[in-house]
Amino acid sequence: MEFREHEVTVNLKVIVWQDEMGWFVAECPALLGCVSQGRTEEEALANIRDAIIGWLEVSHERGIQEWQETEAKVKVEG
């Protein structure tokens, strides 16, 4: 049996807010515990992109597929 790798685009909702210290916090509600931050909104979005990719890689390695369906807001490309 032959296996091939494919790149997939995943669309996930990301929520961004500014905390009391001025940092921008980004969270992906569909992926439990997937949260990041940055000094700017752009940095927080770049960091949550990396966190989402890491979350998906680890969940794939561990066989975890516990996603919550949400509407798409941010396009995350591998």
PDB file of N, CA and C in Angstrom:
ATOM      1  N   MET A   1       0.831  -1.170   0.000  1.00  0.00           N
ATOM      2  CA  MET A   1       0.000   0.000   0.000  1.00  0.00           C
ATOM      3  C   MET A   1       0.883   1.243   0.000  1.00  0.00           C
ATOM      4  N   GLU A   2       0.556   2.182  -0.852  1.00  0.00           N
ATOM      5  CA  GLU A   2       1.335   3.408  -0.968  1.00  0.00           C
ATOM      6  C   GLU A   2       0.608   4.564  -0.268  1.00  0.00           C
ATOM      7  N   PHE A   3       1.361   5.344   0.511  1.00  0.00           N
ATOM      8  CA  PHE A   3       0.804   6.503   1.201  1.00  0.00           C
ATOM      9  C   PHE A   3       1.392   7.768   0.596  1.00  0.00           C
ATOM     10  N   ARG A   4       0.574   8.783   0.486  1.00  0.00           N
ATOM     11  CA  ARG A   4       1.028  10.068  -0.028  1.00  0.00           C
ATOM     12  C   ARG A   4       0.625  11.163   0.939  1.00  0.00           C
ATOM     13  N   GLU A   5       1.466  12.187   1.019  1.00  0.00           N
ATOM     14  CA  GLU A   5       1.141  13.342   1.845  1.00  0.00           C
ATOM     15  C   GLU A   5       0.436  14.384   1.007  1.00  0.00           C
ATOM     16  N   HIS A   6      -0.505  15.089   1.635  1.00  0.00           N
ATOM     17  CA  HIS A   6      -1.229  16.160   0.969  1.00  0.00           C
ATOM     18  C   HIS A   6      -1.293  17.360   1.898  1.00  0.00           C
ATOM     19  N   GLU A   7      -1.209  18.548   1.321  1.00  0.00           N
ATOM     20  CA  GLU A   7      -1.396  19.758   2.112  1.00  0.00           C
ATOM     21  C   GLU A   7      -2.876  20.092   2.134  1.00  0.00           C
ATOM     22  N   VAL A   8      -3.357  20.517   3.299  1.00  0.00           N
ATOM     23  CA  VAL A   8      -4.766  20.809   3.489  1.00  0.00           C
ATOM     24  C   VAL A   8      -4.894  22.191   4.111  1.00  0.00           C
ATOM     25  N   THR A   9      -5.849  22.959   3.637  1.00  0.00           N
ATOM     26  CA  THR A   9      -6.154  24.249   4.241  1.00  0.00           C
ATOM     27  C   THR A   9      -7.288  24.057   5.236  1.00  0.00           C
ATOM     28  N   VAL A  10      -7.087  24.548   6.448  1.00  0.00           N
ATOM     29  CA  VAL A  10      -8.076  24.410   7.508  1.00  0.00           C
ATOM     30  C   VAL A  10      -8.567  25.809   7.884  1.00  0.00           C
ATOM     31  N   ASN A  11      -9.876  25.983   7.945  1.00  0.00           N
ATOM     32  CA  ASN A  11     -10.454  27.258   8.363  1.00  0.00           C
ATOM     33  C   ASN A  11     -11.012  27.113   9.774  1.00  0.00           C
ATOM     34  N   LEU A  12     -10.497  27.918  10.693  1.00  0.00           N
ATOM     35  CA  LEU A  12     -10.920  27.870  12.089  1.00  0.00           C
ATOM     36  C   LEU A  12     -11.213  29.274  12.601  1.00  0.00           C
ATOM     37  N   LYS A  13     -12.161  29.376  13.497  1.00  0.00           N
ATOM     38  CA  LYS A  13     -12.491  30.655  14.129  1.00  0.00           C
ATOM     39  C   LYS A  13     -11.429  30.971  15.183  1.00  0.00           C
ATOM     40  N   VAL A  14     -10.935  32.201  15.169  1.00  0.00           N
ATOM     41  CA  VAL A  14      -9.974  32.675  16.164  1.00  0.00           C
ATOM     42  C   VAL A  14     -10.541  33.950  16.778  1.00  0.00           C
ATOM     43  N   ILE A  15     -10.511  34.022  18.086  1.00  0.00           N
ATOM     44  CA  ILE A  15     -10.984  35.197  18.825  1.00  0.00           C
ATOM     45  C   ILE A  15      -9.763  35.921  19.383  1.00  0.00           C
ATOM     46  N   VAL A  16      -9.711  37.236  19.189  1.00  0.00           N
ATOM     47  CA  VAL A  16      -8.586  38.038  19.682  1.00  0.00           C
ATOM     48  C   VAL A  16      -9.136  39.149  20.565  1.00  0.00           C
ATOM     49  N   TRP A  17      -8.500  39.357  21.722  1.00  0.00           N
ATOM     50  CA  TRP A  17      -8.857  40.462  22.611  1.00  0.00           C
ATOM     51  C   TRP A  17      -7.587  40.995  23.266  1.00  0.00           C
ATOM     52  N   GLN A  18      -7.675  42.196  23.793  1.00  0.00           N
ATOM     53  CA  GLN A  18      -6.543  42.811  24.478  1.00  0.00           C
ATOM     54  C   GLN A  18      -6.754  42.699  25.976  1.00  0.00           C
ATOM     55  N   ASP A  19      -5.750  42.160  26.677  1.00  0.00           N
ATOM     56  CA  ASP A  19      -5.887  41.984  28.131  1.00  0.00           C
ATOM     57  C   ASP A  19      -5.538  43.269  28.877  1.00  0.00           C
ATOM     58  N   GLU A  20      -5.645  43.215  30.194  1.00  0.00           N
ATOM     59  CA  GLU A  20      -5.431  44.402  31.029  1.00  0.00           C
ATOM     60  C   GLU A  20      -3.981  44.895  31.020  1.00  0.00           C
ATOM     61  N   MET A  21      -3.050  44.055  30.593  1.00  0.00           N
ATOM     62  CA  MET A  21      -1.640  44.447  30.513  1.00  0.00           C
ATOM     63  C   MET A  21      -1.268  44.977  29.126  1.00  0.00           C
ATOM     64  N   GLY A  22      -2.232  44.970  28.210  1.00  0.00           N
ATOM     65  CA  GLY A  22      -1.986  45.488  26.868  1.00  0.00           C
ATOM     66  C   GLY A  22      -1.619  44.439  25.834  1.00  0.00           C
ATOM     67  N   TRP A  23      -1.470  43.187  26.246  1.00  0.00           N
ATOM     68  CA  TRP A  23      -1.144  42.102  25.314  1.00  0.00           C
ATOM     69  C   TRP A  23      -2.405  41.682  24.547  1.00  0.00           C
ATOM     70  N   PHE A  24      -2.210  41.245  23.320  1.00  0.00           N
ATOM     71  CA  PHE A  24      -3.305  40.700  22.531  1.00  0.00           C
ATOM     72  C   PHE A  24      -3.307  39.188  22.719  1.00  0.00           C
ATOM     73  N   VAL A  25      -4.436  38.651  23.096  1.00  0.00           N
ATOM     74  CA  VAL A  25      -4.598  37.220  23.340  1.00  0.00           C
ATOM     75  C   VAL A  25      -5.437  36.654  22.204  1.00  0.00           C
ATOM     76  N   ALA A  26      -4.996  35.542  21.635  1.00  0.00           N
ATOM     77  CA  ALA A  26      -5.716  34.877  20.550  1.00  0.00           C
ATOM     78  C   ALA A  26      -6.051  33.457  20.987  1.00  0.00           C
ATOM     79  N   GLU A  27      -7.295  33.077  20.751  1.00  0.00           N
ATOM     80  CA  GLU A  27      -7.758  31.748  21.152  1.00  0.00           C
ATOM     81  C   GLU A  27      -8.514  31.107  19.992  1.00  0.00           C
ATOM     82  N   CYS A  28      -8.312  29.810  19.820  1.00  0.00           N
ATOM     83  CA  CYS A  28      -9.053  29.029  18.834  1.00  0.00           C
ATOM     84  C   CYS A  28     -10.022  28.128  19.599  1.00  0.00           C
ATOM     85  N   PRO A  29     -11.294  28.527  19.724  1.00  0.00           N
ATOM     86  CA  PRO A  29     -12.249  27.778  20.548  1.00  0.00           C
ATOM     87  C   PRO A  29     -12.470  26.332  20.108  1.00  0.00           C
ATOM     88  N   ALA A  30     -12.255  26.043  18.828  1.00  0.00           N
ATOM     89  CA  ALA A  30     -12.482  24.684  18.332  1.00  0.00           C
ATOM     90  C   ALA A  30     -11.427  23.699  18.834  1.00  0.00           C
ATOM     91  N   LEU A  31     -10.275  24.209  19.269  1.00  0.00           N
ATOM     92  CA  LEU A  31      -9.172  23.349  19.708  1.00  0.00           C
ATOM     93  C   LEU A  31      -8.901  23.619  21.186  1.00  0.00           C
ATOM     94  N   LEU A  32      -9.347  22.729  22.021  1.00  0.00           N
ATOM     95  CA  LEU A  32      -9.282  22.896  23.466  1.00  0.00           C
ATOM     96  C   LEU A  32      -7.878  23.283  23.937  1.00  0.00           C
ATOM     97  N   GLY A  33      -7.778  24.427  24.593  1.00  0.00           N
ATOM     98  CA  GLY A  33      -6.517  24.878  25.157  1.00  0.00           C
ATOM     99  C   GLY A  33      -5.585  25.556  24.177  1.00  0.00           C
ATOM    100  N   CYS A  34      -6.035  25.814  22.956  1.00  0.00           N
ATOM    101  CA  CYS A  34      -5.182  26.427  21.940  1.00  0.00           C
ATOM    102  C   CYS A  34      -5.288  27.946  22.059  1.00  0.00           C
ATOM    103  N   VAL A  35      -4.311  28.536  22.775  1.00  0.00           N
ATOM    104  CA  VAL A  35      -4.298  29.969  23.076  1.00  0.00           C
ATOM    105  C   VAL A  35      -2.875  30.478  22.879  1.00  0.00           C
ATOM    106  N   SER A  36      -2.753  31.718  22.414  1.00  0.00           N
ATOM    107  CA  SER A  36      -1.441  32.347  22.296  1.00  0.00           C
ATOM    108  C   SER A  36      -1.602  33.844  22.535  1.00  0.00           C
ATOM    109  N   GLN A  37      -0.510  34.591  22.406  1.00  0.00           N
ATOM    110  CA  GLN A  37      -0.565  36.027  22.644  1.00  0.00           C
ATOM    111  C   GLN A  37       0.518  36.727  21.848  1.00  0.00           C
ATOM    112  N   GLY A  38       0.454  38.049  21.813  1.00  0.00           N
ATOM    113  CA  GLY A  38       1.465  38.850  21.143  1.00  0.00           C
ATOM    114  C   GLY A  38       1.356  40.296  21.591  1.00  0.00           C
ATOM    115  N   ARG A  39       2.402  41.060  21.322  1.00  0.00           N
ATOM    116  CA  ARG A  39       2.398  42.481  21.688  1.00  0.00           C
ATOM    117  C   ARG A  39       1.468  43.285  20.777  1.00  0.00           C
ATOM    118  N   THR A  40       1.260  42.773  19.550  1.00  0.00           N
ATOM    119  CA  THR A  40       0.331  43.399  18.614  1.00  0.00           C
ATOM    120  C   THR A  40      -0.685  42.337  18.183  1.00  0.00           C
ATOM    121  N   GLU A  41      -1.781  42.799  17.570  1.00  0.00           N
ATOM    122  CA  GLU A  41      -2.779  41.845  17.080  1.00  0.00           C
ATOM    123  C   GLU A  41      -2.169  40.959  15.989  1.00  0.00           C
ATOM    124  N   GLU A  42      -1.341  41.530  15.128  1.00  0.00           N
ATOM    125  CA  GLU A  42      -0.700  40.759  14.064  1.00  0.00           C
ATOM    126  C   GLU A  42       0.216  39.673  14.632  1.00  0.00           C
ATOM    127  N   GLU A  43       0.969  40.029  15.673  1.00  0.00           N
ATOM    128  CA  GLU A  43       1.854  39.059  16.314  1.00  0.00           C
ATOM    129  C   GLU A  43       1.040  37.951  16.982  1.00  0.00           C
ATOM    130  N   ALA A  44      -0.061  38.315  17.629  1.00  0.00           N
ATOM    131  CA  ALA A  44      -0.918  37.309  18.261  1.00  0.00           C
ATOM    132  C   ALA A  44      -1.490  36.355  17.218  1.00  0.00           C
ATOM    133  N   LEU A  45      -1.890  36.877  16.058  1.00  0.00           N
ATOM    134  CA  LEU A  45      -2.425  36.020  14.996  1.00  0.00           C
ATOM    135  C   LEU A  45      -1.352  35.102  14.420  1.00  0.00           C
ATOM    136  N   ALA A  46      -0.139  35.617  14.254  1.00  0.00           N
ATOM    137  CA  ALA A  46       0.966  34.764  13.780  1.00  0.00           C
ATOM    138  C   ALA A  46       1.266  33.673  14.798  1.00  0.00           C
ATOM    139  N   ASN A  47       1.234  34.031  16.088  1.00  0.00           N
ATOM    140  CA  ASN A  47       1.517  33.057  17.142  1.00  0.00           C
ATOM    141  C   ASN A  47       0.419  32.009  17.262  1.00  0.00           C
ATOM    142  N   ILE A  48      -0.852  32.407  17.098  1.00  0.00           N
ATOM    143  CA  ILE A  48      -1.933  31.423  17.198  1.00  0.00           C
ATOM    144  C   ILE A  48      -1.890  30.498  15.988  1.00  0.00           C
ATOM    145  N   ARG A  49      -1.458  30.998  14.848  1.00  0.00           N
ATOM    146  CA  ARG A  49      -1.290  30.130  13.672  1.00  0.00           C
ATOM    147  C   ARG A  49      -0.309  29.007  13.994  1.00  0.00           C
ATOM    148  N   ASP A  50       0.831  29.376  14.578  1.00  0.00           N
ATOM    149  CA  ASP A  50       1.824  28.368  14.972  1.00  0.00           C
ATOM    150  C   ASP A  50       1.256  27.417  16.021  1.00  0.00           C
ATOM    151  N   ALA A  51       0.500  27.958  16.974  1.00  0.00           N
ATOM    152  CA  ALA A  51      -0.098  27.123  18.022  1.00  0.00           C
ATOM    153  C   ALA A  51      -1.115  26.151  17.431  1.00  0.00           C
ATOM    154  N   ILE A  52      -1.902  26.609  16.461  1.00  0.00           N
ATOM    155  CA  ILE A  52      -2.886  25.732  15.809  1.00  0.00           C
ATOM    156  C   ILE A  52      -2.179  24.601  15.071  1.00  0.00           C
ATOM    157  N   ILE A  53      -1.140  24.933  14.327  1.00  0.00           N
ATOM    158  CA  ILE A  53      -0.384  23.901  13.607  1.00  0.00           C
ATOM    159  C   ILE A  53       0.192  22.888  14.589  1.00  0.00           C
ATOM    160  N   GLY A  54       0.780  23.366  15.683  1.00  0.00           N
ATOM    161  CA  GLY A  54       1.324  22.456  16.700  1.00  0.00           C
ATOM    162  C   GLY A  54       0.244  21.595  17.325  1.00  0.00           C
ATOM    163  N   TRP A  55      -0.913  22.195  17.636  1.00  0.00           N
ATOM    164  CA  TRP A  55      -2.035  21.458  18.231  1.00  0.00           C
ATOM    165  C   TRP A  55      -2.473  20.344  17.297  1.00  0.00           C
ATOM    166  N   LEU A  56      -2.614  20.666  16.013  1.00  0.00           N
ATOM    167  CA  LEU A  56      -3.065  19.668  15.042  1.00  0.00           C
ATOM    168  C   LEU A  56      -2.037  18.556  14.853  1.00  0.00           C
ATOM    169  N   GLU A  57      -0.752  18.912  14.828  1.00  0.00           N
ATOM    170  CA  GLU A  57       0.292  17.896  14.680  1.00  0.00           C
ATOM    171  C   GLU A  57       0.301  16.935  15.868  1.00  0.00           C
ATOM    172  N   VAL A  58       0.233  17.479  17.076  1.00  0.00           N
ATOM    173  CA  VAL A  58       0.246  16.635  18.278  1.00  0.00           C
ATOM    174  C   VAL A  58      -1.017  15.783  18.356  1.00  0.00           C
ATOM    175  N   SER A  59      -2.169  16.367  18.038  1.00  0.00           N
ATOM    176  CA  SER A  59      -3.415  15.585  18.097  1.00  0.00           C
ATOM    177  C   SER A  59      -3.390  14.466  17.067  1.00  0.00           C
ATOM    178  N   HIS A  60      -2.793  14.713  15.907  1.00  0.00           N
ATOM    179  CA  HIS A  60      -2.668  13.663  14.891  1.00  0.00           C
ATOM    180  C   HIS A  60      -1.757  12.538  15.392  1.00  0.00           C
ATOM    181  N   GLU A  61      -0.622  12.908  15.976  1.00  0.00           N
ATOM    182  CA  GLU A  61       0.314  11.917  16.509  1.00  0.00           C
ATOM    183  C   GLU A  61      -0.327  11.063  17.601  1.00  0.00           C
ATOM    184  N   ARG A  62      -1.179  11.666  18.410  1.00  0.00           N
ATOM    185  CA  ARG A  62      -1.807  10.961  19.529  1.00  0.00           C
ATOM    186  C   ARG A  62      -3.160  10.348  19.169  1.00  0.00           C
ATOM    187  N   GLY A  63      -3.613  10.570  17.938  1.00  0.00           N
ATOM    188  CA  GLY A  63      -4.890  10.015  17.510  1.00  0.00           C
ATOM    189  C   GLY A  63      -6.098  10.728  18.096  1.00  0.00           C
ATOM    190  N   ILE A  64      -5.917  11.982  18.500  1.00  0.00           N
ATOM    191  CA  ILE A  64      -7.008  12.759  19.089  1.00  0.00           C
ATOM    192  C   ILE A  64      -7.727  13.501  17.973  1.00  0.00           C
ATOM    193  N   GLN A  65      -9.056  13.386  17.963  1.00  0.00           N
ATOM    194  CA  GLN A  65      -9.832  14.096  16.949  1.00  0.00           C
ATOM    195  C   GLN A  65     -11.024  14.778  17.596  1.00  0.00           C
ATOM    196  N   GLU A  66     -10.792  15.442  18.701  1.00  0.00           N
ATOM    197  CA  GLU A  66     -11.861  16.102  19.443  1.00  0.00           C
ATOM    198  C   GLU A  66     -11.939  17.569  19.069  1.00  0.00           C
ATOM    199  N   TRP A  67     -12.521  17.838  17.923  1.00  0.00           N
ATOM    200  CA  TRP A  67     -12.717  19.200  17.455  1.00  0.00           C
ATOM    201  C   TRP A  67     -14.136  19.615  17.743  1.00  0.00           C
ATOM    202  N   GLN A  68     -14.343  20.882  17.927  1.00  0.00           N
ATOM    203  CA  GLN A  68     -15.685  21.436  18.029  1.00  0.00           C
ATOM    204  C   GLN A  68     -15.927  22.222  16.750  1.00  0.00           C
ATOM    205  N   GLU A  69     -17.077  22.011  16.125  1.00  0.00           N
ATOM    206  CA  GLU A  69     -17.365  22.734  14.892  1.00  0.00           C
ATOM    207  C   GLU A  69     -17.629  24.202  15.196  1.00  0.00           C
ATOM    208  N   THR A  70     -17.035  25.087  14.408  1.00  0.00           N
ATOM    209  CA  THR A  70     -17.261  26.519  14.535  1.00  0.00           C
ATOM    210  C   THR A  70     -17.290  27.112  13.138  1.00  0.00           C
ATOM    211  N   GLU A  71     -17.771  28.328  13.033  1.00  0.00           N
ATOM    212  CA  GLU A  71     -17.746  28.985  11.735  1.00  0.00           C
ATOM    213  C   GLU A  71     -16.335  29.487  11.451  1.00  0.00           C
ATOM    214  N   ALA A  72     -15.969  29.517  10.195  1.00  0.00           N
ATOM    215  CA  ALA A  72     -14.616  29.929   9.796  1.00  0.00           C
ATOM    216  C   ALA A  72     -14.473  31.439   9.893  1.00  0.00           C
ATOM    217  N   LYS A  73     -13.349  31.893  10.434  1.00  0.00           N
ATOM    218  CA  LYS A  73     -13.043  33.320  10.512  1.00  0.00           C
ATOM    219  C   LYS A  73     -11.630  33.599   9.987  1.00  0.00           C
ATOM    220  N   VAL A  74     -10.682  32.738  10.298  1.00  0.00           N
ATOM    221  CA  VAL A  74      -9.281  32.962   9.918  1.00  0.00           C
ATOM    222  C   VAL A  74      -8.805  31.777   9.097  1.00  0.00           C
ATOM    223  N   LYS A  75      -8.181  32.049   7.978  1.00  0.00           N
ATOM    224  CA  LYS A  75      -7.665  30.985   7.119  1.00  0.00           C
ATOM    225  C   LYS A  75      -6.263  30.634   7.581  1.00  0.00           C
ATOM    226  N   VAL A  76      -6.051  29.390   7.931  1.00  0.00           N
ATOM    227  CA  VAL A  76      -4.759  28.901   8.396  1.00  0.00           C
ATOM    228  C   VAL A  76      -4.234  27.975   7.315  1.00  0.00           C
ATOM    229  N   GLU A  77      -3.088  28.314   6.748  1.00  0.00           N
ATOM    230  CA  GLU A  77      -2.541  27.505   5.674  1.00  0.00           C
ATOM    231  C   GLU A  77      -1.249  26.845   6.122  1.00  0.00           C
ATOM    232  N   GLY A  78      -1.083  25.573   5.785  1.00  0.00           N
ATOM    233  CA  GLY A  78       0.113  24.827   6.121  1.00  0.00           C
ATOM    234  C   GLY A  78       1.159  25.147   5.176  1.00  0.00           C
TER     235      GLY A  78
END
